[in-house]
Full PDB file with SEQRES, HELIX, SHEET, SSBOND, CRYST1, ORIGX, SCALE, CONECT and MASTER records, all heavy atoms in Angstrom:
SEQRES   1 A   31  PHE GLY ARG ASP PHE ASP SER MET MET GLY ILE GLU TRP          
SEQRES   2 A   31  GLN GLU PRO SER GLN LYS GLY VAL THR GLY HIS LEU ASP          
SEQRES   3 A   31  GLY ASN LEU SER PHE                                          
HELIX    1 AA1 PRO A   16  GLN A   18  5                                   3    
SHEET    1 AA1 2 GLY A  10  TRP A  13  0                                        
SHEET    2 AA1 2 GLY A  27  SER A  30 -1                                        
CRYST1    1.000    1.000    1.000  90.00  90.00  90.00 P 1           1          
ORIGX1      1.000000  0.000000  0.000000        0.00000                         
ORIGX2      0.000000  1.000000  0.000000        0.00000                         
ORIGX3      0.000000  0.000000  1.000000        0.00000                         
SCALE1      1.000000  0.000000  0.000000        0.00000                         
SCALE2      0.000000  1.000000  0.000000        0.00000                         
SCALE3      0.000000  0.000000  1.000000        0.00000                         
ATOM      1  N   PHE A   1       7.673 -17.434  -2.559  1.00  0.00           N  
ATOM      2  CA  PHE A   1       7.940 -15.997  -2.702  1.00  0.00           C  
ATOM      3  C   PHE A   1       8.177 -15.363  -1.337  1.00  0.00           C  
ATOM      4  O   PHE A   1       9.094 -14.572  -1.158  1.00  0.00           O  
ATOM      5  CB  PHE A   1       6.777 -15.286  -3.403  1.00  0.00           C  
ATOM      6  CG  PHE A   1       6.744 -15.466  -4.889  1.00  0.00           C  
ATOM      7  CD1 PHE A   1       5.709 -16.157  -5.477  1.00  0.00           C  
ATOM      8  CD2 PHE A   1       7.730 -14.930  -5.692  1.00  0.00           C  
ATOM      9  CE1 PHE A   1       5.648 -16.315  -6.852  1.00  0.00           C  
ATOM     10  CE2 PHE A   1       7.696 -15.086  -7.065  1.00  0.00           C  
ATOM     11  CZ  PHE A   1       6.651 -15.788  -7.646  1.00  0.00           C  
ATOM     12  N   GLY A   2       7.363 -15.696  -0.351  1.00  0.00           N  
ATOM     13  CA  GLY A   2       7.473 -15.107   0.974  1.00  0.00           C  
ATOM     14  C   GLY A   2       8.699 -15.545   1.747  1.00  0.00           C  
ATOM     15  O   GLY A   2       9.100 -14.893   2.697  1.00  0.00           O  
ATOM     16  N   ARG A   3       9.302 -16.661   1.333  1.00  0.00           N  
ATOM     17  CA  ARG A   3      10.510 -17.147   2.016  1.00  0.00           C  
ATOM     18  C   ARG A   3      11.796 -16.741   1.294  1.00  0.00           C  
ATOM     19  O   ARG A   3      12.880 -16.988   1.779  1.00  0.00           O  
ATOM     20  CB  ARG A   3      10.447 -18.674   2.144  1.00  0.00           C  
ATOM     21  CG  ARG A   3       9.326 -19.141   3.045  1.00  0.00           C  
ATOM     22  CD  ARG A   3       9.367 -20.639   3.295  1.00  0.00           C  
ATOM     23  NE  ARG A   3       9.190 -21.450   2.106  1.00  0.00           N  
ATOM     24  CZ  ARG A   3       8.025 -21.830   1.578  1.00  0.00           C  
ATOM     25  NH1 ARG A   3       6.901 -21.422   2.155  1.00  0.00           N  
ATOM     26  NH2 ARG A   3       7.962 -22.597   0.516  1.00  0.00           N  
ATOM     27  N   ASP A   4      11.674 -16.111   0.135  1.00  0.00           N  
ATOM     28  CA  ASP A   4      12.842 -15.836  -0.697  1.00  0.00           C  
ATOM     29  C   ASP A   4      13.565 -14.543  -0.369  1.00  0.00           C  
ATOM     30  O   ASP A   4      14.780 -14.511  -0.323  1.00  0.00           O  
ATOM     31  CB  ASP A   4      12.437 -15.818  -2.177  1.00  0.00           C  
ATOM     32  CG  ASP A   4      13.615 -15.531  -3.083  1.00  0.00           C  
ATOM     33  OD1 ASP A   4      14.538 -16.368  -3.132  1.00  0.00           O  
ATOM     34  OD2 ASP A   4      13.635 -14.465  -3.717  1.00  0.00           O  
ATOM     35  N   PHE A   5      12.853 -13.483  -0.175  1.00  0.00           N  
ATOM     36  CA  PHE A   5      13.464 -12.145  -0.126  1.00  0.00           C  
ATOM     37  C   PHE A   5      14.223 -11.878   1.166  1.00  0.00           C  
ATOM     38  O   PHE A   5      13.985 -12.504   2.188  1.00  0.00           O  
ATOM     39  CB  PHE A   5      12.398 -11.063  -0.331  1.00  0.00           C  
ATOM     40  CG  PHE A   5      11.301 -11.101   0.695  1.00  0.00           C  
ATOM     41  CD1 PHE A   5      11.482 -10.514   1.927  1.00  0.00           C  
ATOM     42  CD2 PHE A   5      10.108 -11.734   0.426  1.00  0.00           C  
ATOM     43  CE1 PHE A   5      10.477 -10.542   2.886  1.00  0.00           C  
ATOM     44  CE2 PHE A   5       9.095 -11.765   1.376  1.00  0.00           C  
ATOM     45  CZ  PHE A   5       9.285 -11.172   2.604  1.00  0.00           C  
ATOM     46  N   ASP A   6      15.144 -10.909   1.089  1.00  0.00           N  
ATOM     47  CA  ASP A   6      15.869 -10.429   2.267  1.00  0.00           C  
ATOM     48  C   ASP A   6      15.101  -9.296   2.946  1.00  0.00           C  
ATOM     49  O   ASP A   6      15.106  -9.181   4.163  1.00  0.00           O  
ATOM     50  CB  ASP A   6      17.265  -9.938   1.883  1.00  0.00           C  
ATOM     51  CG  ASP A   6      18.132 -11.072   1.354  1.00  0.00           C  
ATOM     52  OD1 ASP A   6      18.055 -12.179   1.910  1.00  0.00           O  
ATOM     53  OD2 ASP A   6      18.858 -10.851   0.375  1.00  0.00           O  
ATOM     54  N   SER A   7      14.500  -8.434   2.134  1.00  0.00           N  
ATOM     55  CA  SER A   7      13.698  -7.317   2.637  1.00  0.00           C  
ATOM     56  C   SER A   7      12.500  -7.149   1.721  1.00  0.00           C  
ATOM     57  O   SER A   7      12.581  -7.425   0.530  1.00  0.00           O  
ATOM     58  CB  SER A   7      14.498  -6.013   2.644  1.00  0.00           C  
ATOM     59  OG  SER A   7      15.611  -6.114   3.496  1.00  0.00           O  
ATOM     60  N   MET A   8      11.409  -6.672   2.293  1.00  0.00           N  
ATOM     61  CA  MET A   8      10.187  -6.489   1.514  1.00  0.00           C  
ATOM     62  C   MET A   8       9.521  -5.180   1.888  1.00  0.00           C  
ATOM     63  O   MET A   8       9.478  -4.808   3.056  1.00  0.00           O  
ATOM     64  CB  MET A   8       9.213  -7.630   1.793  1.00  0.00           C  
ATOM     65  CG  MET A   8       7.863  -7.463   1.140  1.00  0.00           C  
ATOM     66  SD  MET A   8       6.741  -8.775   1.673  1.00  0.00           S  
ATOM     67  CE  MET A   8       5.192  -8.043   1.226  1.00  0.00           C  
ATOM     68  N   MET A   9       9.050  -4.474   0.853  1.00  0.00           N  
ATOM     69  CA  MET A   9       8.175  -3.319   1.045  1.00  0.00           C  
ATOM     70  C   MET A   9       6.829  -3.708   0.469  1.00  0.00           C  
ATOM     71  O   MET A   9       6.747  -4.120  -0.690  1.00  0.00           O  
ATOM     72  CB  MET A   9       8.689  -2.101   0.269  1.00  0.00           C  
ATOM     73  CG  MET A   9       9.725  -1.338   0.974  1.00  0.00           C  
ATOM     74  SD  MET A   9      10.203   0.227   0.162  1.00  0.00           S  
ATOM     75  CE  MET A   9       9.421   0.241  -1.395  1.00  0.00           C  
ATOM     76  N   GLY A  10       5.785  -3.602   1.266  1.00  0.00           N  
ATOM     77  CA  GLY A  10       4.439  -3.888   0.785  1.00  0.00           C  
ATOM     78  C   GLY A  10       3.631  -2.611   0.701  1.00  0.00           C  
ATOM     79  O   GLY A  10       3.581  -1.842   1.657  1.00  0.00           O  
ATOM     80  N   ILE A  11       3.039  -2.363  -0.463  1.00  0.00           N  
ATOM     81  CA  ILE A  11       2.204  -1.175  -0.644  1.00  0.00           C  
ATOM     82  C   ILE A  11       0.760  -1.638  -0.793  1.00  0.00           C  
ATOM     83  O   ILE A  11       0.455  -2.456  -1.663  1.00  0.00           O  
ATOM     84  CB  ILE A  11       2.618  -0.361  -1.894  1.00  0.00           C  
ATOM     85  CG1 ILE A  11       4.065   0.108  -1.770  1.00  0.00           C  
ATOM     86  CG2 ILE A  11       1.668   0.820  -2.085  1.00  0.00           C  
ATOM     87  CD1 ILE A  11       4.586   0.824  -2.999  1.00  0.00           C  
ATOM     88  N   GLU A  12      -0.093  -1.126   0.059  1.00  0.00           N  
ATOM     89  CA  GLU A  12      -1.513  -1.436  -0.016  1.00  0.00           C  
ATOM     90  C   GLU A  12      -2.277  -0.129  -0.153  1.00  0.00           C  
ATOM     91  O   GLU A  12      -2.198   0.740   0.714  1.00  0.00           O  
ATOM     92  CB  GLU A  12      -1.961  -2.180   1.236  1.00  0.00           C  
ATOM     93  CG  GLU A  12      -1.266  -3.525   1.381  1.00  0.00           C  
ATOM     94  CD  GLU A  12      -1.704  -4.263   2.620  1.00  0.00           C  
ATOM     95  OE1 GLU A  12      -2.832  -4.770   2.619  1.00  0.00           O  
ATOM     96  OE2 GLU A  12      -0.909  -4.292   3.576  1.00  0.00           O  
ATOM     97  N   TRP A  13      -2.982  -0.004  -1.277  1.00  0.00           N  
ATOM     98  CA  TRP A  13      -3.761   1.202  -1.543  1.00  0.00           C  
ATOM     99  C   TRP A  13      -5.198   0.996  -1.114  1.00  0.00           C  
ATOM    100  O   TRP A  13      -5.729  -0.103  -1.217  1.00  0.00           O  
ATOM    101  CB  TRP A  13      -3.732   1.537  -3.037  1.00  0.00           C  
ATOM    102  CG  TRP A  13      -2.366   1.855  -3.546  1.00  0.00           C  
ATOM    103  CD1 TRP A  13      -1.605   1.086  -4.360  1.00  0.00           C  
ATOM    104  CD2 TRP A  13      -1.590   3.015  -3.255  1.00  0.00           C  
ATOM    105  NE1 TRP A  13      -0.399   1.697  -4.595  1.00  0.00           N  
ATOM    106  CE2 TRP A  13      -0.366   2.878  -3.934  1.00  0.00           C  
ATOM    107  CE3 TRP A  13      -1.810   4.148  -2.474  1.00  0.00           C  
ATOM    108  CZ2 TRP A  13       0.637   3.844  -3.859  1.00  0.00           C  
ATOM    109  CZ3 TRP A  13      -0.813   5.104  -2.415  1.00  0.00           C  
ATOM    110  CH2 TRP A  13       0.385   4.945  -3.107  1.00  0.00           C  
ATOM    111  N   GLN A  14      -5.822   2.075  -0.660  1.00  0.00           N  
ATOM    112  CA  GLN A  14      -7.256   2.026  -0.405  1.00  0.00           C  
ATOM    113  C   GLN A  14      -7.964   1.875  -1.747  1.00  0.00           C  
ATOM    114  O   GLN A  14      -7.412   2.202  -2.796  1.00  0.00           O  
ATOM    115  CB  GLN A  14      -7.739   3.319   0.247  1.00  0.00           C  
ATOM    116  CG  GLN A  14      -7.272   3.510   1.648  1.00  0.00           C  
ATOM    117  CD  GLN A  14      -7.766   4.838   2.218  1.00  0.00           C  
ATOM    118  OE1 GLN A  14      -8.270   5.687   1.512  1.00  0.00           O  
ATOM    119  NE2 GLN A  14      -7.598   5.007   3.518  1.00  0.00           N  
ATOM    120  N   GLU A  15      -9.177   1.419  -1.695  1.00  0.00           N  
ATOM    121  CA  GLU A  15      -9.977   1.340  -2.916  1.00  0.00           C  
ATOM    122  C   GLU A  15     -10.146   2.752  -3.470  1.00  0.00           C  
ATOM    123  O   GLU A  15     -10.315   3.709  -2.705  1.00  0.00           O  
ATOM    124  CB  GLU A  15     -11.347   0.742  -2.621  1.00  0.00           C  
ATOM    125  CG  GLU A  15     -11.287  -0.708  -2.186  1.00  0.00           C  
ATOM    126  CD  GLU A  15     -10.750  -1.618  -3.269  1.00  0.00           C  
ATOM    127  OE1 GLU A  15     -11.101  -1.430  -4.455  1.00  0.00           O  
ATOM    128  OE2 GLU A  15      -9.957  -2.513  -2.938  1.00  0.00           O  
ATOM    129  N   PRO A  16     -10.098   2.914  -4.806  1.00  0.00           N  
ATOM    130  CA  PRO A  16     -10.272   4.265  -5.386  1.00  0.00           C  
ATOM    131  C   PRO A  16     -11.546   4.953  -4.922  1.00  0.00           C  
ATOM    132  O   PRO A  16     -11.583   6.159  -4.792  1.00  0.00           O  
ATOM    133  CB  PRO A  16     -10.301   3.992  -6.891  1.00  0.00           C  
ATOM    134  CG  PRO A  16      -9.535   2.724  -7.063  1.00  0.00           C  
ATOM    135  CD  PRO A  16      -9.816   1.910  -5.808  1.00  0.00           C  
ATOM    136  N   SER A  17     -12.582   4.185  -4.611  1.00  0.00           N  
ATOM    137  CA  SER A  17     -13.831   4.787  -4.146  1.00  0.00           C  
ATOM    138  C   SER A  17     -13.683   5.388  -2.747  1.00  0.00           C  
ATOM    139  O   SER A  17     -14.545   6.121  -2.289  1.00  0.00           O  
ATOM    140  CB  SER A  17     -14.949   3.746  -4.139  1.00  0.00           C  
ATOM    141  OG  SER A  17     -14.626   2.695  -3.251  1.00  0.00           O  
ATOM    142  N   GLN A  18     -12.577   5.071  -2.053  1.00  0.00           N  
ATOM    143  CA  GLN A  18     -12.353   5.575  -0.699  1.00  0.00           C  
ATOM    144  C   GLN A  18     -11.329   6.703  -0.680  1.00  0.00           C  
ATOM    145  O   GLN A  18     -10.678   6.924   0.318  1.00  0.00           O  
ATOM    146  CB  GLN A  18     -11.869   4.434   0.203  1.00  0.00           C  
ATOM    147  CG  GLN A  18     -12.868   3.326   0.350  1.00  0.00           C  
ATOM    148  CD  GLN A  18     -12.301   2.159   1.137  1.00  0.00           C  
ATOM    149  OE1 GLN A  18     -11.098   2.031   1.313  1.00  0.00           O  
ATOM    150  NE2 GLN A  18     -13.170   1.294   1.608  1.00  0.00           N  
ATOM    151  N   LYS A  19     -11.190   7.405  -1.788  1.00  0.00           N  
ATOM    152  CA  LYS A  19     -10.235   8.507  -1.829  1.00  0.00           C  
ATOM    153  C   LYS A  19     -10.540   9.495  -0.720  1.00  0.00           C  
ATOM    154  O   LYS A  19     -11.702   9.755  -0.414  1.00  0.00           O  
ATOM    155  CB  LYS A  19     -10.272   9.215  -3.181  1.00  0.00           C  
ATOM    156  CG  LYS A  19      -9.614   8.422  -4.291  1.00  0.00           C  
ATOM    157  CD  LYS A  19      -9.584   9.219  -5.563  1.00  0.00           C  
ATOM    158  CE  LYS A  19      -8.914   8.424  -6.654  1.00  0.00           C  
ATOM    159  NZ  LYS A  19      -8.884   9.149  -7.919  1.00  0.00           N  
ATOM    160  N   GLY A  20      -9.469  10.017  -0.145  1.00  0.00           N  
ATOM    161  CA  GLY A  20      -9.615  10.951   0.966  1.00  0.00           C  
ATOM    162  C   GLY A  20     -10.177  12.288   0.543  1.00  0.00           C  
ATOM    163  O   GLY A  20     -10.532  12.509  -0.615  1.00  0.00           O  
ATOM    164  N   VAL A  21     -10.206  13.194   1.504  1.00  0.00           N  
ATOM    165  CA  VAL A  21     -10.740  14.538   1.288  1.00  0.00           C  
ATOM    166  C   VAL A  21     -10.002  15.222   0.143  1.00  0.00           C  
ATOM    167  O   VAL A  21     -10.593  15.974  -0.620  1.00  0.00           O  
ATOM    168  CB  VAL A  21     -10.589  15.366   2.592  1.00  0.00           C  
ATOM    169  CG1 VAL A  21     -11.018  16.800   2.378  1.00  0.00           C  
ATOM    170  CG2 VAL A  21     -11.386  14.721   3.710  1.00  0.00           C  
ATOM    171  N   THR A  22      -8.723  14.935  -0.011  1.00  0.00           N  
ATOM    172  CA  THR A  22      -7.915  15.601  -1.030  1.00  0.00           C  
ATOM    173  C   THR A  22      -8.168  15.051  -2.432  1.00  0.00           C  
ATOM    174  O   THR A  22      -7.746  15.639  -3.404  1.00  0.00           O  
ATOM    175  CB  THR A  22      -6.420  15.419  -0.724  1.00  0.00           C  
ATOM    176  OG1 THR A  22      -6.126  14.017  -0.788  1.00  0.00           O  
ATOM    177  CG2 THR A  22      -6.067  15.972   0.624  1.00  0.00           C  
ATOM    178  N   GLY A  23      -8.844  13.901  -2.527  1.00  0.00           N  
ATOM    179  CA  GLY A  23      -9.044  13.280  -3.830  1.00  0.00           C  
ATOM    180  C   GLY A  23      -7.860  12.431  -4.256  1.00  0.00           C  
ATOM    181  O   GLY A  23      -7.896  11.804  -5.306  1.00  0.00           O  
ATOM    182  N   HIS A  24      -6.803  12.383  -3.445  1.00  0.00           N  
ATOM    183  CA  HIS A  24      -5.641  11.551  -3.754  1.00  0.00           C  
ATOM    184  C   HIS A  24      -5.840  10.161  -3.182  1.00  0.00           C  
ATOM    185  O   HIS A  24      -6.595   9.974  -2.228  1.00  0.00           O  
ATOM    186  CB  HIS A  24      -4.361  12.172  -3.171  1.00  0.00           C  
ATOM    187  CG  HIS A  24      -4.025  13.502  -3.759  1.00  0.00           C  
ATOM    188  ND1 HIS A  24      -3.638  13.651  -5.062  1.00  0.00           N  
ATOM    189  CD2 HIS A  24      -4.035  14.735  -3.214  1.00  0.00           C  
ATOM    190  CE1 HIS A  24      -3.417  14.928  -5.302  1.00  0.00           C  
ATOM    191  NE2 HIS A  24      -3.652  15.609  -4.192  1.00  0.00           N  
ATOM    192  N   LEU A  25      -5.160   9.204  -3.745  1.00  0.00           N  
ATOM    193  CA  LEU A  25      -5.259   7.830  -3.272  1.00  0.00           C  
ATOM    194  C   LEU A  25      -4.307   7.634  -2.093  1.00  0.00           C  
ATOM    195  O   LEU A  25      -3.115   7.898  -2.193  1.00  0.00           O  
ATOM    196  CB  LEU A  25      -4.880   6.881  -4.416  1.00  0.00           C  
ATOM    197  CG  LEU A  25      -5.184   5.413  -4.235  1.00  0.00           C  
ATOM    198  CD1 LEU A  25      -6.672   5.198  -3.977  1.00  0.00           C  
ATOM    199  CD2 LEU A  25      -4.777   4.643  -5.478  1.00  0.00           C  
ATOM    200  N   ASP A  26      -4.846   7.186  -0.957  1.00  0.00           N  
ATOM    201  CA  ASP A  26      -4.054   6.966   0.247  1.00  0.00           C  
ATOM    202  C   ASP A  26      -3.742   5.488   0.398  1.00  0.00           C  
ATOM    203  O   ASP A  26      -4.471   4.630  -0.092  1.00  0.00           O  
ATOM    204  CB  ASP A  26      -4.808   7.448   1.487  1.00  0.00           C  
ATOM    205  CG  ASP A  26      -4.970   8.956   1.519  1.00  0.00           C  
ATOM    206  OD1 ASP A  26      -4.022   9.650   1.110  1.00  0.00           O  
ATOM    207  OD2 ASP A  26      -6.035   9.425   1.938  1.00  0.00           O  
ATOM    208  N   GLY A  27      -2.662   5.192   1.096  1.00  0.00           N  
ATOM    209  CA  GLY A  27      -2.283   3.802   1.308  1.00  0.00           C  
ATOM    210  C   GLY A  27      -1.354   3.646   2.484  1.00  0.00           C  
ATOM    211  O   GLY A  27      -1.095   4.580   3.236  1.00  0.00           O  
ATOM    212  N   ASN A  28      -0.845   2.429   2.622  1.00  0.00           N  
ATOM    213  CA  ASN A  28       0.059   2.080   3.700  1.00  0.00           C  
ATOM    214  C   ASN A  28       1.279   1.384   3.110  1.00  0.00           C  
ATOM    215  O   ASN A  28       1.159   0.550   2.218  1.00  0.00           O  
ATOM    216  CB  ASN A  28      -0.665   1.136   4.674  1.00  0.00           C  
ATOM    217  CG  ASN A  28       0.136   0.885   5.921  1.00  0.00           C  
ATOM    218  OD1 ASN A  28       0.519   1.816   6.610  1.00  0.00           O  
ATOM    219  ND2 ASN A  28       0.410  -0.372   6.207  1.00  0.00           N  
ATOM    220  N   LEU A  29       2.442   1.738   3.604  1.00  0.00           N  
ATOM    221  CA  LEU A  29       3.695   1.122   3.191  1.00  0.00           C  
ATOM    222  C   LEU A  29       4.232   0.363   4.398  1.00  0.00           C  
ATOM    223  O   LEU A  29       4.459   0.949   5.453  1.00  0.00           O  
ATOM    224  CB  LEU A  29       4.683   2.213   2.755  1.00  0.00           C  
ATOM    225  CG  LEU A  29       6.052   1.797   2.254  1.00  0.00           C  
ATOM    226  CD1 LEU A  29       5.941   0.903   1.029  1.00  0.00           C  
ATOM    227  CD2 LEU A  29       6.875   3.034   1.916  1.00  0.00           C  
ATOM    228  N   SER A  30       4.382  -0.957   4.250  1.00  0.00           N  
ATOM    229  CA  SER A  30       4.885  -1.768   5.359  1.00  0.00           C  
ATOM    230  C   SER A  30       6.195  -2.428   4.951  1.00  0.00           C  
ATOM    231  O   SER A  30       6.502  -2.554   3.766  1.00  0.00           O  
ATOM    232  CB  SER A  30       3.855  -2.830   5.759  1.00  0.00           C  
ATOM    233  OG  SER A  30       3.573  -3.695   4.671  1.00  0.00           O  
ATOM    234  N   PHE A  31       6.966  -2.841   5.942  1.00  0.00           N  
ATOM    235  CA  PHE A  31       8.307  -3.367   5.699  1.00  0.00           C  
ATOM    236  C   PHE A  31       8.522  -4.680   6.437  1.00  0.00           C  
ATOM    237  O   PHE A  31       8.076  -4.836   7.575  1.00  0.00           O  
ATOM    238  CB  PHE A  31       9.365  -2.371   6.203  1.00  0.00           C  
ATOM    239  CG  PHE A  31       9.240  -1.001   5.599  1.00  0.00           C  
ATOM    240  CD1 PHE A  31       8.438  -0.032   6.183  1.00  0.00           C  
ATOM    241  CD2 PHE A  31       9.926  -0.692   4.440  1.00  0.00           C  
ATOM    242  CE1 PHE A  31       8.320   1.223   5.629  1.00  0.00           C  
ATOM    243  CE2 PHE A  31       9.813   0.574   3.876  1.00  0.00           C  
ATOM    244  CZ  PHE A  31       9.016   1.528   4.471  1.00  0.00           C  
TER     245      PHE A  31                                                      
MASTER        0    0    0    1    2    0    0    6  244    1    0    3          
END                                                                             
């Protein structure tokens, strides 16, 4: 799988228990 794609977007969410001050789920988008 890791050798197949031309481009990749990876989304990693924080654990729901670590919701920020806003109560929304925060994460990181990597490319």
